[in-house]
Full PDB file with SEQRES, HELIX, SHEET, SSBOND, CRYST1, ORIGX, SCALE, CONECT and MASTER records, all heavy atoms in Angstrom:
SEQRES   1 A   40  VAL GLY LEU VAL THR ALA ALA THR PHE GLY ALA ALA LEU          
SEQRES   2 A   40  GLY VAL PRO VAL HIS GLY LEU CYS THR LEU ASP GLY LEU          
SEQRES   3 A   40  ALA HIS ALA SER GLY LEU THR GLU PRO PHE VAL VAL ALA          
SEQRES   4 A   40  THR                                                          
HELIX    1 AA1 GLY A    2  LEU A   13  1                                  12    
HELIX    2 AA2 THR A   22  ALA A   29  1                                   8    
CRYST1    1.000    1.000    1.000  90.00  90.00  90.00 P 1           1          
ORIGX1      1.000000  0.000000  0.000000        0.00000                         
ORIGX2      0.000000  1.000000  0.000000        0.00000                         
ORIGX3      0.000000  0.000000  1.000000        0.00000                         
SCALE1      1.000000  0.000000  0.000000        0.00000                         
SCALE2      0.000000  1.000000  0.000000        0.00000                         
SCALE3      0.000000  0.000000  1.000000        0.00000                         
ATOM      1  N   VAL A   1      -8.374 -10.049  -0.484  1.00  0.00           N  
ATOM      2  CA  VAL A   1      -7.389 -11.094  -0.193  1.00  0.00           C  
ATOM      3  C   VAL A   1      -6.220 -10.511   0.597  1.00  0.00           C  
ATOM      4  O   VAL A   1      -5.805 -11.049   1.628  1.00  0.00           O  
ATOM      5  CB  VAL A   1      -6.891 -11.756  -1.493  1.00  0.00           C  
ATOM      6  CG1 VAL A   1      -5.692 -12.664  -1.222  1.00  0.00           C  
ATOM      7  CG2 VAL A   1      -8.013 -12.560  -2.146  1.00  0.00           C  
ATOM      8  N   GLY A   2      -5.679  -9.409   0.126  1.00  0.00           N  
ATOM      9  CA  GLY A   2      -4.554  -8.786   0.818  1.00  0.00           C  
ATOM     10  C   GLY A   2      -4.934  -8.217   2.168  1.00  0.00           C  
ATOM     11  O   GLY A   2      -4.206  -8.364   3.157  1.00  0.00           O  
ATOM     12  N   LEU A   3      -6.092  -7.574   2.244  1.00  0.00           N  
ATOM     13  CA  LEU A   3      -6.522  -6.960   3.500  1.00  0.00           C  
ATOM     14  C   LEU A   3      -6.781  -8.001   4.582  1.00  0.00           C  
ATOM     15  O   LEU A   3      -6.363  -7.827   5.739  1.00  0.00           O  
ATOM     16  CB  LEU A   3      -7.779  -6.126   3.255  1.00  0.00           C  
ATOM     17  CG  LEU A   3      -7.557  -4.830   2.477  1.00  0.00           C  
ATOM     18  CD1 LEU A   3      -8.880  -4.283   1.966  1.00  0.00           C  
ATOM     19  CD2 LEU A   3      -6.854  -3.798   3.339  1.00  0.00           C  
ATOM     20  N   VAL A   4      -7.459  -9.083   4.231  1.00  0.00           N  
ATOM     21  CA  VAL A   4      -7.742 -10.121   5.221  1.00  0.00           C  
ATOM     22  C   VAL A   4      -6.463 -10.817   5.658  1.00  0.00           C  
ATOM     23  O   VAL A   4      -6.266 -11.121   6.850  1.00  0.00           O  
ATOM     24  CB  VAL A   4      -8.755 -11.139   4.646  1.00  0.00           C  
ATOM     25  CG1 VAL A   4      -8.879 -12.352   5.566  1.00  0.00           C  
ATOM     26  CG2 VAL A   4     -10.114 -10.483   4.464  1.00  0.00           C  
ATOM     27  N   THR A   5      -5.554 -11.073   4.715  1.00  0.00           N  
ATOM     28  CA  THR A   5      -4.282 -11.709   5.065  1.00  0.00           C  
ATOM     29  C   THR A   5      -3.474 -10.819   5.996  1.00  0.00           C  
ATOM     30  O   THR A   5      -2.910 -11.290   6.991  1.00  0.00           O  
ATOM     31  CB  THR A   5      -3.477 -12.013   3.792  1.00  0.00           C  
ATOM     32  OG1 THR A   5      -4.240 -12.887   2.952  1.00  0.00           O  
ATOM     33  CG2 THR A   5      -2.156 -12.686   4.134  1.00  0.00           C  
ATOM     34  N   ALA A   6      -3.410  -9.522   5.694  1.00  0.00           N  
ATOM     35  CA  ALA A   6      -2.666  -8.597   6.555  1.00  0.00           C  
ATOM     36  C   ALA A   6      -3.269  -8.547   7.953  1.00  0.00           C  
ATOM     37  O   ALA A   6      -2.548  -8.565   8.963  1.00  0.00           O  
ATOM     38  CB  ALA A   6      -2.656  -7.204   5.935  1.00  0.00           C  
ATOM     39  N   ALA A   7      -4.595  -8.491   8.033  1.00  0.00           N  
ATOM     40  CA  ALA A   7      -5.261  -8.442   9.337  1.00  0.00           C  
ATOM     41  C   ALA A   7      -4.998  -9.727  10.130  1.00  0.00           C  
ATOM     42  O   ALA A   7      -4.790  -9.677  11.349  1.00  0.00           O  
ATOM     43  CB  ALA A   7      -6.761  -8.231   9.143  1.00  0.00           C  
ATOM     44  N   THR A   8      -4.997 -10.856   9.447  1.00  0.00           N  
ATOM     45  CA  THR A   8      -4.753 -12.130  10.118  1.00  0.00           C  
ATOM     46  C   THR A   8      -3.331 -12.207  10.651  1.00  0.00           C  
ATOM     47  O   THR A   8      -3.099 -12.616  11.793  1.00  0.00           O  
ATOM     48  CB  THR A   8      -5.017 -13.294   9.144  1.00  0.00           C  
ATOM     49  OG1 THR A   8      -6.370 -13.224   8.678  1.00  0.00           O  
ATOM     50  CG2 THR A   8      -4.795 -14.633   9.830  1.00  0.00           C  
ATOM     51  N   PHE A   9      -2.365 -11.814   9.845  1.00  0.00           N  
ATOM     52  CA  PHE A   9      -0.979 -11.787  10.302  1.00  0.00           C  
ATOM     53  C   PHE A   9      -0.820 -10.842  11.492  1.00  0.00           C  
ATOM     54  O   PHE A   9      -0.133 -11.152  12.468  1.00  0.00           O  
ATOM     55  CB  PHE A   9      -0.046 -11.333   9.170  1.00  0.00           C  
ATOM     56  CG  PHE A   9       0.277 -12.400   8.160  1.00  0.00           C  
ATOM     57  CD1 PHE A   9       0.675 -12.051   6.883  1.00  0.00           C  
ATOM     58  CD2 PHE A   9       0.198 -13.738   8.479  1.00  0.00           C  
ATOM     59  CE1 PHE A   9       0.980 -13.016   5.940  1.00  0.00           C  
ATOM     60  CE2 PHE A   9       0.508 -14.715   7.541  1.00  0.00           C  
ATOM     61  CZ  PHE A   9       0.896 -14.360   6.273  1.00  0.00           C  
ATOM     62  N   GLY A  10      -1.427  -9.667  11.396  1.00  0.00           N  
ATOM     63  CA  GLY A  10      -1.306  -8.702  12.478  1.00  0.00           C  
ATOM     64  C   GLY A  10      -1.856  -9.236  13.781  1.00  0.00           C  
ATOM     65  O   GLY A  10      -1.245  -9.066  14.849  1.00  0.00           O  
ATOM     66  N   ALA A  11      -3.015  -9.915  13.723  1.00  0.00           N  
ATOM     67  CA  ALA A  11      -3.617 -10.477  14.934  1.00  0.00           C  
ATOM     68  C   ALA A  11      -2.772 -11.612  15.493  1.00  0.00           C  
ATOM     69  O   ALA A  11      -2.582 -11.731  16.708  1.00  0.00           O  
ATOM     70  CB  ALA A  11      -5.023 -10.970  14.616  1.00  0.00           C  
ATOM     71  N   ALA A  12      -2.243 -12.459  14.610  1.00  0.00           N  
ATOM     72  CA  ALA A  12      -1.456 -13.606  15.059  1.00  0.00           C  
ATOM     73  C   ALA A  12      -0.120 -13.183  15.671  1.00  0.00           C  
ATOM     74  O   ALA A  12       0.343 -13.783  16.647  1.00  0.00           O  
ATOM     75  CB  ALA A  12      -1.214 -14.550  13.887  1.00  0.00           C  
ATOM     76  N   LEU A  13       0.486 -12.142  15.099  1.00  0.00           N  
ATOM     77  CA  LEU A  13       1.796 -11.693  15.566  1.00  0.00           C  
ATOM     78  C   LEU A  13       1.715 -10.613  16.632  1.00  0.00           C  
ATOM     79  O   LEU A  13       2.715 -10.323  17.296  1.00  0.00           O  
ATOM     80  CB  LEU A  13       2.608 -11.156  14.381  1.00  0.00           C  
ATOM     81  CG  LEU A  13       2.920 -12.146  13.253  1.00  0.00           C  
ATOM     82  CD1 LEU A  13       3.546 -11.408  12.068  1.00  0.00           C  
ATOM     83  CD2 LEU A  13       3.848 -13.250  13.745  1.00  0.00           C  
ATOM     84  N   GLY A  14       0.552  -9.982  16.766  1.00  0.00           N  
ATOM     85  CA  GLY A  14       0.413  -8.885  17.714  1.00  0.00           C  
ATOM     86  C   GLY A  14       1.178  -7.650  17.290  1.00  0.00           C  
ATOM     87  O   GLY A  14       1.750  -6.935  18.123  1.00  0.00           O  
ATOM     88  N   VAL A  15       1.188  -7.370  15.976  1.00  0.00           N  
ATOM     89  CA  VAL A  15       1.916  -6.209  15.449  1.00  0.00           C  
ATOM     90  C   VAL A  15       0.936  -5.286  14.734  1.00  0.00           C  
ATOM     91  O   VAL A  15      -0.132  -5.714  14.295  1.00  0.00           O  
ATOM     92  CB  VAL A  15       3.037  -6.639  14.477  1.00  0.00           C  
ATOM     93  CG1 VAL A  15       4.036  -7.549  15.195  1.00  0.00           C  
ATOM     94  CG2 VAL A  15       2.466  -7.338  13.242  1.00  0.00           C  
ATOM     95  N   PRO A  16       1.278  -4.008  14.602  1.00  0.00           N  
ATOM     96  CA  PRO A  16       0.361  -3.070  13.940  1.00  0.00           C  
ATOM     97  C   PRO A  16       0.250  -3.339  12.452  1.00  0.00           C  
ATOM     98  O   PRO A  16       1.227  -3.741  11.799  1.00  0.00           O  
ATOM     99  CB  PRO A  16       0.997  -1.700  14.208  1.00  0.00           C  
ATOM    100  CG  PRO A  16       2.420  -1.982  14.529  1.00  0.00           C  
ATOM    101  CD  PRO A  16       2.466  -3.324  15.176  1.00  0.00           C  
ATOM    102  N   VAL A  17      -0.947  -3.110  11.915  1.00  0.00           N  
ATOM    103  CA  VAL A  17      -1.211  -3.230  10.483  1.00  0.00           C  
ATOM    104  C   VAL A  17      -1.584  -1.847   9.956  1.00  0.00           C  
ATOM    105  O   VAL A  17      -2.513  -1.220  10.461  1.00  0.00           O  
ATOM    106  CB  VAL A  17      -2.343  -4.234  10.202  1.00  0.00           C  
ATOM    107  CG1 VAL A  17      -2.588  -4.353   8.705  1.00  0.00           C  
ATOM    108  CG2 VAL A  17      -2.015  -5.599  10.798  1.00  0.00           C  
ATOM    109  N   HIS A  18      -0.846  -1.379   8.965  1.00  0.00           N  
ATOM    110  CA  HIS A  18      -1.052  -0.057   8.389  1.00  0.00           C  
ATOM    111  C   HIS A  18      -1.599  -0.190   6.969  1.00  0.00           C  
ATOM    112  O   HIS A  18      -1.318  -1.161   6.264  1.00  0.00           O  
ATOM    113  CB  HIS A  18       0.268   0.717   8.325  1.00  0.00           C  
ATOM    114  CG  HIS A  18       1.079   0.662   9.570  1.00  0.00           C  
ATOM    115  ND1 HIS A  18       0.783   1.425  10.680  1.00  0.00           N  
ATOM    116  CD2 HIS A  18       2.174  -0.074   9.896  1.00  0.00           C  
ATOM    117  CE1 HIS A  18       1.678   1.173  11.638  1.00  0.00           C  
ATOM    118  NE2 HIS A  18       2.531   0.272  11.179  1.00  0.00           N  
ATOM    119  N   GLY A  19      -2.341   0.806   6.531  1.00  0.00           N  
ATOM    120  CA  GLY A  19      -2.822   0.858   5.158  1.00  0.00           C  
ATOM    121  C   GLY A  19      -2.144   1.971   4.388  1.00  0.00           C  
ATOM    122  O   GLY A  19      -1.726   2.966   4.957  1.00  0.00           O  
ATOM    123  N   LEU A  20      -2.004   1.769   3.074  1.00  0.00           N  
ATOM    124  CA  LEU A  20      -1.548   2.832   2.177  1.00  0.00           C  
ATOM    125  C   LEU A  20      -2.297   2.702   0.862  1.00  0.00           C  
ATOM    126  O   LEU A  20      -2.564   1.584   0.400  1.00  0.00           O  
ATOM    127  CB  LEU A  20      -0.040   2.727   1.906  1.00  0.00           C  
ATOM    128  CG  LEU A  20       0.925   3.442   2.844  1.00  0.00           C  
ATOM    129  CD1 LEU A  20       2.357   3.273   2.341  1.00  0.00           C  
ATOM    130  CD2 LEU A  20       0.603   4.920   2.972  1.00  0.00           C  
ATOM    131  N   CYS A  21      -2.605   3.815   0.263  1.00  0.00           N  
ATOM    132  CA  CYS A  21      -3.273   3.805  -1.029  1.00  0.00           C  
ATOM    133  C   CYS A  21      -2.384   3.136  -2.073  1.00  0.00           C  
ATOM    134  O   CYS A  21      -1.193   3.459  -2.202  1.00  0.00           O  
ATOM    135  CB  CYS A  21      -3.589   5.240  -1.446  1.00  0.00           C  
ATOM    136  SG  CYS A  21      -4.299   5.402  -3.097  1.00  0.00           S  
ATOM    137  N   THR A  22      -2.945   2.194  -2.801  1.00  0.00           N  
ATOM    138  CA  THR A  22      -2.199   1.483  -3.833  1.00  0.00           C  
ATOM    139  C   THR A  22      -1.638   2.440  -4.883  1.00  0.00           C  
ATOM    140  O   THR A  22      -0.505   2.285  -5.348  1.00  0.00           O  
ATOM    141  CB  THR A  22      -3.103   0.433  -4.498  1.00  0.00           C  
ATOM    142  OG1 THR A  22      -3.450  -0.552  -3.511  1.00  0.00           O  
ATOM    143  CG2 THR A  22      -2.423  -0.246  -5.672  1.00  0.00           C  
ATOM    144  N   LEU A  23      -2.419   3.440  -5.249  1.00  0.00           N  
ATOM    145  CA  LEU A  23      -1.948   4.411  -6.238  1.00  0.00           C  
ATOM    146  C   LEU A  23      -0.709   5.152  -5.740  1.00  0.00           C  
ATOM    147  O   LEU A  23       0.171   5.514  -6.531  1.00  0.00           O  
ATOM    148  CB  LEU A  23      -3.058   5.408  -6.570  1.00  0.00           C  
ATOM    149  CG  LEU A  23      -4.340   4.835  -7.174  1.00  0.00           C  
ATOM    150  CD1 LEU A  23      -5.362   5.950  -7.384  1.00  0.00           C  
ATOM    151  CD2 LEU A  23      -4.070   4.099  -8.472  1.00  0.00           C  
ATOM    152  N   ASP A  24      -0.616   5.364  -4.419  1.00  0.00           N  
ATOM    153  CA  ASP A  24       0.548   6.055  -3.862  1.00  0.00           C  
ATOM    154  C   ASP A  24       1.827   5.236  -4.060  1.00  0.00           C  
ATOM    155  O   ASP A  24       2.908   5.784  -4.280  1.00  0.00           O  
ATOM    156  CB  ASP A  24       0.347   6.323  -2.367  1.00  0.00           C  
ATOM    157  CG  ASP A  24      -0.731   7.356  -2.083  1.00  0.00           C  
ATOM    158  OD1 ASP A  24      -1.317   7.896  -3.052  1.00  0.00           O  
ATOM    159  OD2 ASP A  24      -1.008   7.605  -0.895  1.00  0.00           O  
ATOM    160  N   GLY A  25       1.695   3.892  -3.947  1.00  0.00           N  
ATOM    161  CA  GLY A  25       2.853   3.042  -4.180  1.00  0.00           C  
ATOM    162  C   GLY A  25       3.354   3.153  -5.605  1.00  0.00           C  
ATOM    163  O   GLY A  25       4.563   3.244  -5.867  1.00  0.00           O  
ATOM    164  N   LEU A  26       2.424   3.153  -6.556  1.00  0.00           N  
ATOM    165  CA  LEU A  26       2.800   3.315  -7.960  1.00  0.00           C  
ATOM    166  C   LEU A  26       3.421   4.689  -8.206  1.00  0.00           C  
ATOM    167  O   LEU A  26       4.391   4.823  -8.966  1.00  0.00           O  
ATOM    168  CB  LEU A  26       1.572   3.117  -8.840  1.00  0.00           C  
ATOM    169  CG  LEU A  26       1.193   1.664  -9.127  1.00  0.00           C  
ATOM    170  CD1 LEU A  26      -0.273   1.570  -9.525  1.00  0.00           C  
ATOM    171  CD2 LEU A  26       2.072   1.091 -10.212  1.00  0.00           C  
ATOM    172  N   ALA A  27       2.867   5.705  -7.567  1.00  0.00           N  
ATOM    173  CA  ALA A  27       3.422   7.048  -7.715  1.00  0.00           C  
ATOM    174  C   ALA A  27       4.855   7.098  -7.202  1.00  0.00           C  
ATOM    175  O   ALA A  27       5.734   7.703  -7.829  1.00  0.00           O  
ATOM    176  CB  ALA A  27       2.551   8.055  -6.966  1.00  0.00           C  
ATOM    177  N   HIS A  28       5.103   6.440  -6.062  1.00  0.00           N  
ATOM    178  CA  HIS A  28       6.438   6.431  -5.482  1.00  0.00           C  
ATOM    179  C   HIS A  28       7.440   5.743  -6.402  1.00  0.00           C  
ATOM    180  O   HIS A  28       8.614   6.116  -6.462  1.00  0.00           O  
ATOM    181  CB  HIS A  28       6.407   5.737  -4.124  1.00  0.00           C  
ATOM    182  CG  HIS A  28       7.717   5.755  -3.409  1.00  0.00           C  
ATOM    183  ND1 HIS A  28       8.203   6.876  -2.783  1.00  0.00           N  
ATOM    184  CD2 HIS A  28       8.655   4.787  -3.229  1.00  0.00           C  
ATOM    185  CE1 HIS A  28       9.378   6.612  -2.238  1.00  0.00           C  
ATOM    186  NE2 HIS A  28       9.675   5.354  -2.500  1.00  0.00           N  
ATOM    187  N   ALA A  29       6.960   4.721  -7.130  1.00  0.00           N  
ATOM    188  CA  ALA A  29       7.848   3.973  -8.022  1.00  0.00           C  
ATOM    189  C   ALA A  29       8.021   4.622  -9.384  1.00  0.00           C  
ATOM    190  O   ALA A  29       8.828   4.166 -10.195  1.00  0.00           O  
ATOM    191  CB  ALA A  29       7.301   2.550  -8.201  1.00  0.00           C  
ATOM    192  N   SER A  30       7.285   5.690  -9.658  1.00  0.00           N  
ATOM    193  CA  SER A  30       7.244   6.249 -11.015  1.00  0.00           C  
ATOM    194  C   SER A  30       8.550   6.890 -11.461  1.00  0.00           C  
ATOM    195  O   SER A  30       8.874   6.896 -12.651  1.00  0.00           O  
ATOM    196  CB  SER A  30       6.123   7.287 -11.110  1.00  0.00           C  
ATOM    197  OG  SER A  30       6.455   8.460 -10.371  1.00  0.00           O  
ATOM    198  N   GLY A  31       9.269   7.488 -10.515  1.00  0.00           N  
ATOM    199  CA  GLY A  31      10.484   8.205 -10.877  1.00  0.00           C  
ATOM    200  C   GLY A  31      10.239   9.562 -11.500  1.00  0.00           C  
ATOM    201  O   GLY A  31      11.180  10.261 -11.880  1.00  0.00           O  
ATOM    202  N   LEU A  32       8.977   9.967 -11.602  1.00  0.00           N  
ATOM    203  CA  LEU A  32       8.659  11.245 -12.240  1.00  0.00           C  
ATOM    204  C   LEU A  32       8.923  12.408 -11.292  1.00  0.00           C  
ATOM    205  O   LEU A  32       8.745  12.294 -10.076  1.00  0.00           O  
ATOM    206  CB  LEU A  32       7.193  11.253 -12.681  1.00  0.00           C  
ATOM    207  CG  LEU A  32       6.850  10.251 -13.798  1.00  0.00           C  
ATOM    208  CD1 LEU A  32       5.345  10.199 -14.034  1.00  0.00           C  
ATOM    209  CD2 LEU A  32       7.574  10.618 -15.087  1.00  0.00           C  
ATOM    210  N   THR A  33       9.335  13.517 -11.852  1.00  0.00           N  
ATOM    211  CA  THR A  33       9.662  14.685 -11.040  1.00  0.00           C  
ATOM    212  C   THR A  33       8.726  15.862 -11.292  1.00  0.00           C  
ATOM    213  O   THR A  33       8.784  16.855 -10.574  1.00  0.00           O  
ATOM    214  CB  THR A  33      11.105  15.136 -11.320  1.00  0.00           C  
ATOM    215  OG1 THR A  33      11.254  15.399 -12.728  1.00  0.00           O  
ATOM    216  CG2 THR A  33      12.100  14.051 -10.900  1.00  0.00           C  
ATOM    217  N   GLU A  34       7.883  15.762 -12.332  1.00  0.00           N  
ATOM    218  CA  GLU A  34       6.909  16.808 -12.610  1.00  0.00           C  
ATOM    219  C   GLU A  34       5.530  16.316 -12.206  1.00  0.00           C  
ATOM    220  O   GLU A  34       5.353  15.141 -11.908  1.00  0.00           O  
ATOM    221  CB  GLU A  34       6.935  17.185 -14.095  1.00  0.00           C  
ATOM    222  CG  GLU A  34       6.445  16.082 -15.024  1.00  0.00           C  
ATOM    223  CD  GLU A  34       7.555  15.221 -15.585  1.00  0.00           C  
ATOM    224  OE1 GLU A  34       8.292  14.611 -14.793  1.00  0.00           O  
ATOM    225  OE2 GLU A  34       7.649  15.154 -16.816  1.00  0.00           O  
ATOM    226  N   PRO A  35       4.506  17.175 -12.157  1.00  0.00           N  
ATOM    227  CA  PRO A  35       3.148  16.712 -11.850  1.00  0.00           C  
ATOM    228  C   PRO A  35       2.736  15.596 -12.804  1.00  0.00           C  
ATOM    229  O   PRO A  35       3.013  15.649 -14.005  1.00  0.00           O  
ATOM    230  CB  PRO A  35       2.297  17.971 -12.043  1.00  0.00           C  
ATOM    231  CG  PRO A  35       3.246  19.091 -11.756  1.00  0.00           C  
ATOM    232  CD  PRO A  35       4.566  18.643 -12.304  1.00  0.00           C  
ATOM    233  N   PHE A  36       2.054  14.572 -12.259  1.00  0.00           N  
ATOM    234  CA  PHE A  36       1.731  13.409 -13.071  1.00  0.00           C  
ATOM    235  C   PHE A  36       0.470  12.730 -12.562  1.00  0.00           C  
ATOM    236  O   PHE A  36      -0.100  13.118 -11.541  1.00  0.00           O  
ATOM    237  CB  PHE A  36       2.906  12.420 -13.088  1.00  0.00           C  
ATOM    238  CG  PHE A  36       3.251  11.828 -11.745  1.00  0.00           C  
ATOM    239  CD1 PHE A  36       2.799  10.574 -11.374  1.00  0.00           C  
ATOM    240  CD2 PHE A  36       4.069  12.527 -10.848  1.00  0.00           C  
ATOM    241  CE1 PHE A  36       3.136  10.025 -10.143  1.00  0.00           C  
ATOM    242  CE2 PHE A  36       4.412  11.986  -9.623  1.00  0.00           C  
ATOM    243  CZ  PHE A  36       3.939  10.723  -9.261  1.00  0.00           C  
ATOM    244  N   VAL A  37       0.049  11.710 -13.301  1.00  0.00           N  
ATOM    245  CA  VAL A  37      -1.160  10.957 -13.006  1.00  0.00           C  
ATOM    246  C   VAL A  37      -0.809   9.486 -12.881  1.00  0.00           C  
ATOM    247  O   VAL A  37       0.054   8.976 -13.604  1.00  0.00           O  
ATOM    248  CB  VAL A  37      -2.207  11.148 -14.128  1.00  0.00           C  
ATOM    249  CG1 VAL A  37      -3.371  10.168 -13.972  1.00  0.00           C  
ATOM    250  CG2 VAL A  37      -2.728  12.576 -14.141  1.00  0.00           C  
ATOM    251  N   VAL A  38      -1.476   8.805 -11.942  1.00  0.00           N  
ATOM    252  CA  VAL A  38      -1.409   7.348 -11.841  1.00  0.00           C  
ATOM    253  C   VAL A  38      -2.799   6.803 -12.144  1.00  0.00           C  
ATOM    254  O   VAL A  38      -3.792   7.312 -11.617  1.00  0.00           O  
ATOM    255  CB  VAL A  38      -0.965   6.898 -10.444  1.00  0.00           C  
ATOM    256  CG1 VAL A  38      -1.021   5.372 -10.330  1.00  0.00           C  
ATOM    257  CG2 VAL A  38       0.441   7.388 -10.138  1.00  0.00           C  
ATOM    258  N   ALA A  39      -2.861   5.787 -12.992  1.00  0.00           N  
ATOM    259  CA  ALA A  39      -4.149   5.184 -13.346  1.00  0.00           C  
ATOM    260  C   ALA A  39      -4.012   3.669 -13.438  1.00  0.00           C  
ATOM    261  O   ALA A  39      -3.103   3.169 -14.104  1.00  0.00           O  
ATOM    262  CB  ALA A  39      -4.663   5.740 -14.675  1.00  0.00           C  
ATOM    263  N   THR A  40      -4.901   2.957 -12.766  1.00  0.00           N  
ATOM    264  CA  THR A  40      -4.936   1.500 -12.852  1.00  0.00           C  
ATOM    265  C   THR A  40      -6.240   1.071 -13.510  1.00  0.00           C  
ATOM    266  O   THR A  40      -7.200   1.837 -13.582  1.00  0.00           O  
ATOM    267  CB  THR A  40      -4.806   0.841 -11.467  1.00  0.00           C  
ATOM    268  OG1 THR A  40      -5.904   1.276 -10.639  1.00  0.00           O  
ATOM    269  CG2 THR A  40      -3.497   1.221 -10.797  1.00  0.00           C  
TER     270      THR A  40                                                      
MASTER        0    0    0    2    0    0    0    6  269    1    0    4          
END                                                                             
């Protein structure tokens, strides 16, 4: 759902569409400063 919507917006607007690992977003929001794990 998200990938198709992003691709459609990108084509309609003529702007670049980038991907990022979902786990990386959670890691960025974690606030942890030591080695850690993200699990969904």
